[in-house]
Amino acid sequence: MPRVELPKVLVVTGPTASGKGAVAFELAQRLDAEIVSVDSVKIYRGMDIGAGKPSAEKRRTVRYHLIDIVEPTEVYNMGRYVADATAALEDIARRDKRAILVGGTAMYLKGLLKGVFEGPPADPALRQKLRDVALEKGASHLHNLLRKVDPAAADKLHPNDLK
């Protein structure tokens, strides 16, 4: 998915538990803005402990996007995040509102701001075949196969990394 021209937004980002949510909430109130989450955990329904999701009261005061939008069993990736966040930002802009991106998932933020590689979708059958090979011959066997076709990628992955 190539980079799309996004409306101007404020970005509040940083490490876990650094106060991003509180800062964004205060800004949203002062600027009459809406918050778009850039968090890989907050998107999941029921994943509430340790996620730092805004309270029900805050969600009644300020409109939040991309929180509690998918089930934990659903596949959700950067490509889907970029599409969902872009739609939210376009919706906010159409209503002449300001948007604040808030969160610490740098991969999501980078994908949204810089675009993501357009490639074929994941192939579940191929993934299963590779899992079967790993079970039969070991993860290091797959790593060695990868090294033969893409040494640079192999250097970035631990030999036991099956994802």
N, C-alpha and C. Protein backbone atom coordinates (compact mmCIF):
# COMPACT_ATOMS: atom_id res chain seq x y z
N MET A 1 0.86 -1.17 0.00
CA MET A 1 0.00 0.00 0.00
C MET A 1 0.90 1.23 0.00
N PRO A 2 0.89 2.01 -1.07
CA PRO A 2 1.74 3.19 -1.12
C PRO A 2 1.28 4.24 -0.12
N ARG A 3 2.17 5.16 0.16
CA ARG A 3 1.84 6.23 1.08
C ARG A 3 0.75 7.10 0.46
N VAL A 4 -0.24 7.45 1.26
CA VAL A 4 -1.30 8.35 0.80
C VAL A 4 -1.13 9.69 1.50
N GLU A 5 -1.62 10.74 0.87
CA GLU A 5 -1.53 12.06 1.48
C GLU A 5 -2.55 12.15 2.60
N LEU A 6 -2.06 12.32 3.81
CA LEU A 6 -2.92 12.39 4.98
C LEU A 6 -3.13 13.84 5.38
N PRO A 7 -4.27 14.12 6.03
CA PRO A 7 -4.46 15.46 6.58
C PRO A 7 -3.41 15.71 7.66
N LYS A 8 -3.14 16.97 7.96
CA LYS A 8 -2.19 17.29 9.02
C LYS A 8 -2.74 16.78 10.35
N VAL A 9 -1.85 16.16 11.11
CA VAL A 9 -2.23 15.60 12.41
C VAL A 9 -1.16 15.92 13.44
N LEU A 10 -1.55 15.87 14.69
CA LEU A 10 -0.59 15.91 15.79
C LEU A 10 -0.23 14.46 16.12
N VAL A 11 1.00 14.23 16.54
CA VAL A 11 1.43 12.89 16.91
C VAL A 11 1.99 12.94 18.33
N VAL A 12 1.45 12.07 19.19
CA VAL A 12 1.96 11.91 20.54
C VAL A 12 2.43 10.46 20.64
N THR A 13 3.74 10.27 20.74
CA THR A 13 4.28 8.92 20.78
C THR A 13 5.39 8.84 21.82
N GLY A 14 5.74 7.63 22.17
CA GLY A 14 6.78 7.43 23.17
C GLY A 14 6.66 6.06 23.78
N PRO A 15 7.49 5.77 24.78
CA PRO A 15 7.50 4.44 25.39
C PRO A 15 6.25 4.17 26.23
N THR A 16 6.06 2.90 26.54
CA THR A 16 4.94 2.46 27.36
C THR A 16 4.91 3.21 28.69
N ALA A 17 3.71 3.58 29.11
CA ALA A 17 3.45 4.22 30.40
C ALA A 17 4.18 5.56 30.56
N SER A 18 4.37 6.28 29.47
CA SER A 18 5.05 7.58 29.54
C SER A 18 4.08 8.75 29.60
N GLY A 19 2.78 8.48 29.63
CA GLY A 19 1.80 9.55 29.74
C GLY A 19 1.23 10.04 28.42
N LYS A 20 1.45 9.29 27.35
CA LYS A 20 0.96 9.69 26.03
C LYS A 20 -0.55 9.90 26.03
N GLY A 21 -1.26 8.96 26.62
CA GLY A 21 -2.72 9.03 26.62
C GLY A 21 -3.25 10.25 27.34
N ALA A 22 -2.65 10.59 28.48
CA ALA A 22 -3.08 11.76 29.24
C ALA A 22 -2.82 13.04 28.46
N VAL A 23 -1.65 13.13 27.84
CA VAL A 23 -1.32 14.31 27.04
C VAL A 23 -2.28 14.44 25.87
N ALA A 24 -2.52 13.33 25.18
CA ALA A 24 -3.42 13.37 24.01
C ALA A 24 -4.84 13.73 24.42
N PHE A 25 -5.30 13.21 25.55
CA PHE A 25 -6.65 13.53 26.03
C PHE A 25 -6.77 15.02 26.31
N GLU A 26 -5.78 15.57 27.00
CA GLU A 26 -5.79 17.00 27.31
C GLU A 26 -5.78 17.84 26.03
N LEU A 27 -4.93 17.47 25.08
CA LEU A 27 -4.88 18.18 23.80
C LEU A 27 -6.21 18.08 23.06
N ALA A 28 -6.79 16.89 23.05
CA ALA A 28 -8.05 16.68 22.34
C ALA A 28 -9.15 17.57 22.91
N GLN A 29 -9.18 17.69 24.23
CA GLN A 29 -10.19 18.56 24.85
C GLN A 29 -9.96 20.02 24.48
N ARG A 30 -8.72 20.45 24.55
CA ARG A 30 -8.40 21.85 24.27
C ARG A 30 -8.60 22.22 22.80
N LEU A 31 -8.33 21.26 21.90
CA LEU A 31 -8.37 21.54 20.47
C LEU A 31 -9.64 21.04 19.78
N ASP A 32 -10.55 20.48 20.55
CA ASP A 32 -11.75 19.85 19.99
C ASP A 32 -11.34 18.84 18.92
N ALA A 33 -10.43 17.96 19.30
CA ALA A 33 -9.87 16.97 18.36
C ALA A 33 -10.34 15.57 18.72
N GLU A 34 -10.08 14.64 17.80
CA GLU A 34 -10.37 13.23 18.02
C GLU A 34 -9.05 12.46 18.05
N ILE A 35 -9.05 11.36 18.76
CA ILE A 35 -7.83 10.57 18.95
C ILE A 35 -7.89 9.30 18.13
N VAL A 36 -6.81 9.05 17.39
CA VAL A 36 -6.66 7.81 16.63
C VAL A 36 -5.54 7.02 17.29
N SER A 37 -5.87 5.86 17.80
CA SER A 37 -4.89 5.04 18.50
C SER A 37 -3.86 4.45 17.54
N VAL A 38 -2.61 4.47 17.97
CA VAL A 38 -1.50 3.84 17.25
C VAL A 38 -0.92 2.79 18.20
N ASP A 39 -1.76 1.83 18.55
CA ASP A 39 -1.38 0.84 19.55
C ASP A 39 -1.81 -0.55 19.10
N SER A 40 -0.88 -1.47 19.11
CA SER A 40 -1.16 -2.83 18.61
C SER A 40 -1.92 -3.69 19.61
N VAL A 41 -2.13 -3.22 20.83
CA VAL A 41 -2.90 -3.98 21.82
C VAL A 41 -4.30 -3.39 21.98
N LYS A 42 -4.39 -2.08 21.98
CA LYS A 42 -5.69 -1.43 22.21
C LYS A 42 -6.73 -1.77 21.15
N ILE A 43 -6.31 -2.23 19.99
CA ILE A 43 -7.26 -2.57 18.94
C ILE A 43 -8.12 -3.78 19.31
N TYR A 44 -7.62 -4.62 20.23
CA TYR A 44 -8.30 -5.88 20.55
C TYR A 44 -9.33 -5.72 21.66
N ARG A 45 -10.52 -6.24 21.40
CA ARG A 45 -11.57 -6.28 22.42
C ARG A 45 -11.15 -7.24 23.53
N GLY A 46 -11.42 -6.86 24.76
CA GLY A 46 -11.16 -7.74 25.88
C GLY A 46 -9.72 -7.74 26.37
N MET A 47 -8.83 -7.12 25.65
CA MET A 47 -7.42 -7.04 26.08
C MET A 47 -7.27 -5.74 26.87
N ASP A 48 -7.79 -5.74 28.07
CA ASP A 48 -7.88 -4.50 28.84
C ASP A 48 -6.81 -4.36 29.91
N ILE A 49 -6.36 -5.45 30.48
CA ILE A 49 -5.39 -5.38 31.57
C ILE A 49 -4.03 -5.00 31.00
N GLY A 50 -3.49 -3.92 31.52
CA GLY A 50 -2.17 -3.47 31.09
C GLY A 50 -2.14 -2.76 29.75
N ALA A 51 -3.28 -2.61 29.11
CA ALA A 51 -3.31 -1.98 27.78
C ALA A 51 -3.36 -0.46 27.86
N GLY A 52 -3.77 0.08 29.00
CA GLY A 52 -3.85 1.53 29.13
C GLY A 52 -4.94 2.15 28.28
N LYS A 53 -6.03 1.41 28.08
CA LYS A 53 -7.13 1.96 27.28
C LYS A 53 -7.79 3.12 28.04
N PRO A 54 -8.32 4.10 27.31
CA PRO A 54 -9.01 5.20 27.98
C PRO A 54 -10.26 4.70 28.69
N SER A 55 -10.59 5.36 29.79
CA SER A 55 -11.78 4.99 30.56
C SER A 55 -13.04 5.29 29.76
N ALA A 56 -14.14 4.70 30.20
CA ALA A 56 -15.43 4.96 29.56
C ALA A 56 -15.77 6.45 29.63
N GLU A 57 -15.43 7.08 30.75
CA GLU A 57 -15.70 8.51 30.91
C GLU A 57 -14.91 9.33 29.87
N LYS A 58 -13.64 9.00 29.69
CA LYS A 58 -12.84 9.72 28.69
C LYS A 58 -13.39 9.48 27.29
N ARG A 59 -13.85 8.26 27.04
CA ARG A 59 -14.37 7.93 25.72
C ARG A 59 -15.71 8.63 25.46
N ARG A 60 -16.41 9.02 26.50
CA ARG A 60 -17.64 9.80 26.32
C ARG A 60 -17.30 11.27 26.06
N THR A 61 -16.16 11.71 26.57
CA THR A 61 -15.75 13.11 26.45
C THR A 61 -15.07 13.40 25.11
N VAL A 62 -14.20 12.48 24.68
CA VAL A 62 -13.42 12.63 23.45
C VAL A 62 -13.68 11.41 22.58
N ARG A 63 -13.81 11.61 21.29
CA ARG A 63 -14.02 10.47 20.39
C ARG A 63 -12.68 9.80 20.09
N TYR A 64 -12.66 8.48 20.30
CA TYR A 64 -11.47 7.66 20.04
C TYR A 64 -11.75 6.74 18.85
N HIS A 65 -10.69 6.47 18.09
CA HIS A 65 -10.78 5.56 16.94
C HIS A 65 -9.75 4.44 17.11
N LEU A 66 -10.08 3.26 16.61
CA LEU A 66 -9.21 2.09 16.56
C LEU A 66 -8.89 1.52 17.94
N ILE A 67 -9.89 1.54 18.79
CA ILE A 67 -9.81 0.88 20.09
C ILE A 67 -10.96 -0.11 20.15
N ASP A 68 -10.65 -1.35 20.57
CA ASP A 68 -11.66 -2.42 20.67
C ASP A 68 -12.37 -2.68 19.34
N ILE A 69 -11.60 -2.78 18.26
CA ILE A 69 -12.22 -2.96 16.94
C ILE A 69 -12.16 -4.38 16.41
N VAL A 70 -11.30 -5.24 16.98
CA VAL A 70 -11.21 -6.62 16.50
C VAL A 70 -11.14 -7.60 17.66
N GLU A 71 -11.52 -8.83 17.36
CA GLU A 71 -11.42 -9.90 18.35
C GLU A 71 -9.98 -10.39 18.41
N PRO A 72 -9.55 -10.88 19.57
CA PRO A 72 -8.17 -11.39 19.68
C PRO A 72 -7.86 -12.54 18.73
N THR A 73 -8.87 -13.22 18.25
CA THR A 73 -8.65 -14.35 17.33
C THR A 73 -8.47 -13.90 15.88
N GLU A 74 -8.75 -12.63 15.58
CA GLU A 74 -8.63 -12.13 14.21
C GLU A 74 -7.18 -11.79 13.87
N VAL A 75 -6.84 -11.97 12.60
CA VAL A 75 -5.53 -11.55 12.11
C VAL A 75 -5.60 -10.05 11.85
N TYR A 76 -4.69 -9.33 12.44
CA TYR A 76 -4.63 -7.88 12.26
C TYR A 76 -3.16 -7.53 12.06
N ASN A 77 -2.86 -6.83 10.98
CA ASN A 77 -1.46 -6.53 10.67
C ASN A 77 -1.31 -5.06 10.30
N MET A 78 -0.08 -4.70 9.97
CA MET A 78 0.19 -3.29 9.68
C MET A 78 -0.60 -2.80 8.47
N GLY A 79 -0.73 -3.61 7.45
CA GLY A 79 -1.49 -3.20 6.27
C GLY A 79 -2.93 -2.87 6.62
N ARG A 80 -3.52 -3.71 7.44
CA ARG A 80 -4.91 -3.47 7.86
C ARG A 80 -4.98 -2.23 8.76
N TYR A 81 -3.98 -2.07 9.64
CA TYR A 81 -3.96 -0.89 10.49
C TYR A 81 -3.91 0.38 9.64
N VAL A 82 -3.01 0.41 8.67
CA VAL A 82 -2.86 1.60 7.83
C VAL A 82 -4.17 1.92 7.12
N ALA A 83 -4.84 0.91 6.61
CA ALA A 83 -6.13 1.14 5.93
C ALA A 83 -7.17 1.68 6.91
N ASP A 84 -7.25 1.09 8.11
CA ASP A 84 -8.23 1.54 9.11
C ASP A 84 -7.91 2.95 9.61
N ALA A 85 -6.64 3.21 9.88
CA ALA A 85 -6.26 4.53 10.38
C ALA A 85 -6.47 5.61 9.31
N THR A 86 -6.15 5.29 8.08
CA THR A 86 -6.36 6.24 6.98
C THR A 86 -7.84 6.58 6.85
N ALA A 87 -8.69 5.56 6.94
CA ALA A 87 -10.14 5.80 6.86
C ALA A 87 -10.60 6.68 8.02
N ALA A 88 -10.09 6.43 9.22
CA ALA A 88 -10.46 7.24 10.38
C ALA A 88 -10.01 8.68 10.20
N LEU A 89 -8.78 8.88 9.74
CA LEU A 89 -8.27 10.23 9.53
C LEU A 89 -9.05 10.98 8.46
N GLU A 90 -9.41 10.28 7.40
CA GLU A 90 -10.21 10.91 6.34
C GLU A 90 -11.59 11.29 6.86
N ASP A 91 -12.19 10.43 7.68
CA ASP A 91 -13.49 10.72 8.27
C ASP A 91 -13.41 11.95 9.17
N ILE A 92 -12.38 12.01 9.98
CA ILE A 92 -12.20 13.15 10.88
C ILE A 92 -12.03 14.44 10.07
N ALA A 93 -11.22 14.39 9.02
CA ALA A 93 -10.98 15.57 8.18
C ALA A 93 -12.25 16.02 7.47
N ARG A 94 -13.05 15.06 7.00
CA ARG A 94 -14.31 15.41 6.31
C ARG A 94 -15.24 16.19 7.24
N ARG A 95 -15.13 15.93 8.52
CA ARG A 95 -15.98 16.63 9.49
C ARG A 95 -15.30 17.88 10.04
N ASP A 96 -14.20 18.30 9.37
CA ASP A 96 -13.45 19.50 9.77
C ASP A 96 -13.00 19.46 11.22
N LYS A 97 -12.58 18.29 11.66
CA LYS A 97 -12.06 18.13 13.01
C LYS A 97 -10.55 17.90 12.91
N ARG A 98 -9.87 18.09 14.01
CA ARG A 98 -8.45 17.78 14.10
C ARG A 98 -8.28 16.35 14.59
N ALA A 99 -7.15 15.75 14.22
CA ALA A 99 -6.85 14.39 14.66
C ALA A 99 -5.53 14.38 15.42
N ILE A 100 -5.49 13.53 16.43
CA ILE A 100 -4.27 13.30 17.19
C ILE A 100 -3.96 11.81 17.13
N LEU A 101 -2.81 11.46 16.60
CA LEU A 101 -2.35 10.08 16.61
C LEU A 101 -1.62 9.86 17.93
N VAL A 102 -2.01 8.82 18.67
CA VAL A 102 -1.36 8.58 19.96
C VAL A 102 -1.10 7.10 20.15
N GLY A 103 0.13 6.79 20.52
CA GLY A 103 0.49 5.41 20.80
C GLY A 103 1.97 5.17 20.61
N GLY A 104 2.37 3.96 20.96
CA GLY A 104 3.79 3.64 20.92
C GLY A 104 4.17 2.54 19.96
N THR A 105 3.24 2.10 19.10
CA THR A 105 3.58 1.06 18.14
C THR A 105 4.22 1.73 16.93
N ALA A 106 5.55 1.84 16.99
CA ALA A 106 6.30 2.57 15.97
C ALA A 106 6.10 2.00 14.57
N MET A 107 5.96 0.68 14.48
CA MET A 107 5.75 0.06 13.17
C MET A 107 4.46 0.57 12.53
N TYR A 108 3.39 0.68 13.32
CA TYR A 108 2.12 1.19 12.79
C TYR A 108 2.28 2.65 12.37
N LEU A 109 2.92 3.45 13.21
CA LEU A 109 3.09 4.87 12.90
C LEU A 109 3.93 5.05 11.64
N LYS A 110 5.01 4.30 11.54
CA LYS A 110 5.87 4.40 10.35
C LYS A 110 5.10 3.98 9.10
N GLY A 111 4.33 2.90 9.19
CA GLY A 111 3.54 2.45 8.04
C GLY A 111 2.53 3.49 7.61
N LEU A 112 1.91 4.13 8.59
CA LEU A 112 0.90 5.15 8.29
C LEU A 112 1.54 6.38 7.65
N LEU A 113 2.67 6.81 8.17
CA LEU A 113 3.30 8.04 7.68
C LEU A 113 4.15 7.83 6.43
N LYS A 114 4.74 6.65 6.30
CA LYS A 114 5.67 6.41 5.18
C LYS A 114 5.11 5.46 4.12
N GLY A 115 4.04 4.75 4.43
CA GLY A 115 3.50 3.76 3.50
C GLY A 115 4.06 2.38 3.80
N VAL A 116 3.43 1.36 3.24
CA VAL A 116 3.88 -0.01 3.45
C VAL A 116 4.10 -0.70 2.12
N PHE A 117 4.91 -1.71 2.14
CA PHE A 117 5.22 -2.49 0.95
C PHE A 117 3.97 -3.18 0.44
N GLU A 118 3.72 -3.05 -0.85
CA GLU A 118 2.60 -3.76 -1.45
C GLU A 118 3.10 -5.10 -1.94
N GLY A 119 2.67 -6.14 -1.31
CA GLY A 119 3.07 -7.48 -1.71
C GLY A 119 1.88 -8.40 -1.66
N PRO A 120 2.11 -9.63 -1.99
CA PRO A 120 1.01 -10.59 -1.96
C PRO A 120 0.57 -10.83 -0.51
N PRO A 121 -0.68 -11.21 -0.31
CA PRO A 121 -1.13 -11.51 1.05
C PRO A 121 -0.46 -12.78 1.56
N ALA A 122 -0.51 -12.96 2.86
CA ALA A 122 0.05 -14.17 3.48
C ALA A 122 -0.67 -15.40 2.92
N ASP A 123 0.07 -16.47 2.77
CA ASP A 123 -0.47 -17.73 2.25
C ASP A 123 -0.53 -18.73 3.40
N PRO A 124 -1.71 -18.93 3.99
CA PRO A 124 -1.83 -19.84 5.14
C PRO A 124 -1.36 -21.27 4.83
N ALA A 125 -1.60 -21.74 3.63
CA ALA A 125 -1.19 -23.11 3.27
C ALA A 125 0.34 -23.22 3.26
N LEU A 126 1.01 -22.21 2.71
CA LEU A 126 2.47 -22.22 2.70
C LEU A 126 3.02 -22.11 4.12
N ARG A 127 2.42 -21.26 4.92
CA ARG A 127 2.87 -21.15 6.32
C ARG A 127 2.75 -22.49 7.04
N GLN A 128 1.65 -23.19 6.82
CA GLN A 128 1.48 -24.49 7.47
C GLN A 128 2.51 -25.49 6.98
N LYS A 129 2.78 -25.45 5.69
CA LYS A 129 3.79 -26.36 5.12
C LYS A 129 5.15 -26.09 5.76
N LEU A 130 5.50 -24.82 5.93
CA LEU A 130 6.78 -24.48 6.55
C LEU A 130 6.81 -24.86 8.03
N ARG A 131 5.68 -24.71 8.72
CA ARG A 131 5.61 -25.17 10.12
C ARG A 131 5.85 -26.67 10.20
N ASP A 132 5.26 -27.41 9.26
CA ASP A 132 5.44 -28.86 9.23
C ASP A 132 6.90 -29.22 9.00
N VAL A 133 7.56 -28.50 8.09
CA VAL A 133 8.99 -28.74 7.84
C VAL A 133 9.79 -28.47 9.12
N ALA A 134 9.45 -27.37 9.81
CA ALA A 134 10.16 -27.03 11.05
C ALA A 134 9.96 -28.11 12.11
N LEU A 135 8.76 -28.65 12.20
CA LEU A 135 8.50 -29.73 13.17
C LEU A 135 9.30 -30.98 12.83
N GLU A 136 9.40 -31.25 11.55
CA GLU A 136 10.08 -32.47 11.10
C GLU A 136 11.60 -32.33 11.13
N LYS A 137 12.10 -31.19 10.65
CA LYS A 137 13.56 -31.04 10.48
C LYS A 137 14.19 -29.99 11.39
N GLY A 138 13.36 -29.23 12.10
CA GLY A 138 13.89 -28.22 13.00
C GLY A 138 13.89 -26.82 12.40
N ALA A 139 13.79 -25.84 13.29
CA ALA A 139 13.76 -24.44 12.86
C ALA A 139 15.06 -24.04 12.17
N SER A 140 16.17 -24.59 12.62
CA SER A 140 17.46 -24.23 12.02
C SER A 140 17.52 -24.65 10.55
N HIS A 141 16.82 -25.72 10.19
CA HIS A 141 16.77 -26.15 8.79
C HIS A 141 16.12 -25.05 7.93
N LEU A 142 15.00 -24.52 8.42
CA LEU A 142 14.34 -23.42 7.68
C LEU A 142 15.26 -22.20 7.59
N HIS A 143 15.94 -21.91 8.69
CA HIS A 143 16.84 -20.76 8.70
C HIS A 143 17.95 -20.94 7.67
N ASN A 144 18.48 -22.14 7.56
CA ASN A 144 19.52 -22.42 6.57
C ASN A 144 18.99 -22.27 5.14
N LEU A 145 17.75 -22.71 4.91
CA LEU A 145 17.13 -22.52 3.58
C LEU A 145 16.98 -21.04 3.26
N LEU A 146 16.54 -20.26 4.26
CA LEU A 146 16.40 -18.82 4.06
C LEU A 146 17.76 -18.20 3.75
N ARG A 147 18.79 -18.61 4.47
CA ARG A 147 20.13 -18.06 4.26
C ARG A 147 20.60 -18.26 2.82
N LYS A 148 20.20 -19.38 2.21
CA LYS A 148 20.60 -19.65 0.82
C LYS A 148 19.95 -18.68 -0.17
N VAL A 149 18.70 -18.28 0.10
CA VAL A 149 18.00 -17.41 -0.85
C VAL A 149 18.03 -15.93 -0.47
N ASP A 150 18.20 -15.63 0.84
CA ASP A 150 18.20 -14.24 1.28
C ASP A 150 19.07 -14.10 2.53
N PRO A 151 20.39 -14.06 2.36
CA PRO A 151 21.30 -13.99 3.51
C PRO A 151 21.04 -12.78 4.41
N ALA A 152 20.69 -11.64 3.82
CA ALA A 152 20.44 -10.44 4.62
C ALA A 152 19.25 -10.64 5.55
N ALA A 153 18.18 -11.25 5.04
CA ALA A 153 17.01 -11.51 5.89
C ALA A 153 17.36 -12.52 6.97
N ALA A 154 18.13 -13.54 6.63
CA ALA A 154 18.52 -14.55 7.61
C ALA A 154 19.34 -13.93 8.74
N ASP A 155 20.18 -12.96 8.40
CA ASP A 155 21.00 -12.29 9.42
C ASP A 155 20.14 -11.52 10.42
N LYS A 156 18.96 -11.10 10.02
CA LYS A 156 18.09 -10.32 10.90
C LYS A 156 17.22 -11.19 11.80
N LEU A 157 17.16 -12.49 11.53
CA LEU A 157 16.28 -13.38 12.27
C LEU A 157 17.06 -14.37 13.12
N HIS A 158 16.55 -14.64 14.29
CA HIS A 158 17.13 -15.69 15.13
C HIS A 158 16.81 -17.03 14.47
N PRO A 159 17.74 -17.98 14.51
CA PRO A 159 17.49 -19.29 13.88
C PRO A 159 16.25 -20.02 14.38
N ASN A 160 15.78 -19.69 15.59
CA ASN A 160 14.58 -20.35 16.12
C ASN A 160 13.30 -19.58 15.86
N ASP A 161 13.39 -18.43 15.19
CA ASP A 161 12.22 -17.60 14.91
C ASP A 161 11.43 -18.21 13.75
N LEU A 162 10.26 -18.73 14.07
CA LEU A 162 9.43 -19.38 13.04
C LEU A 162 8.40 -18.44 12.44
N LYS A 163 8.35 -17.21 12.84
CA LYS A 163 7.37 -16.30 12.27
C LYS A 163 8.01 -15.50 11.18
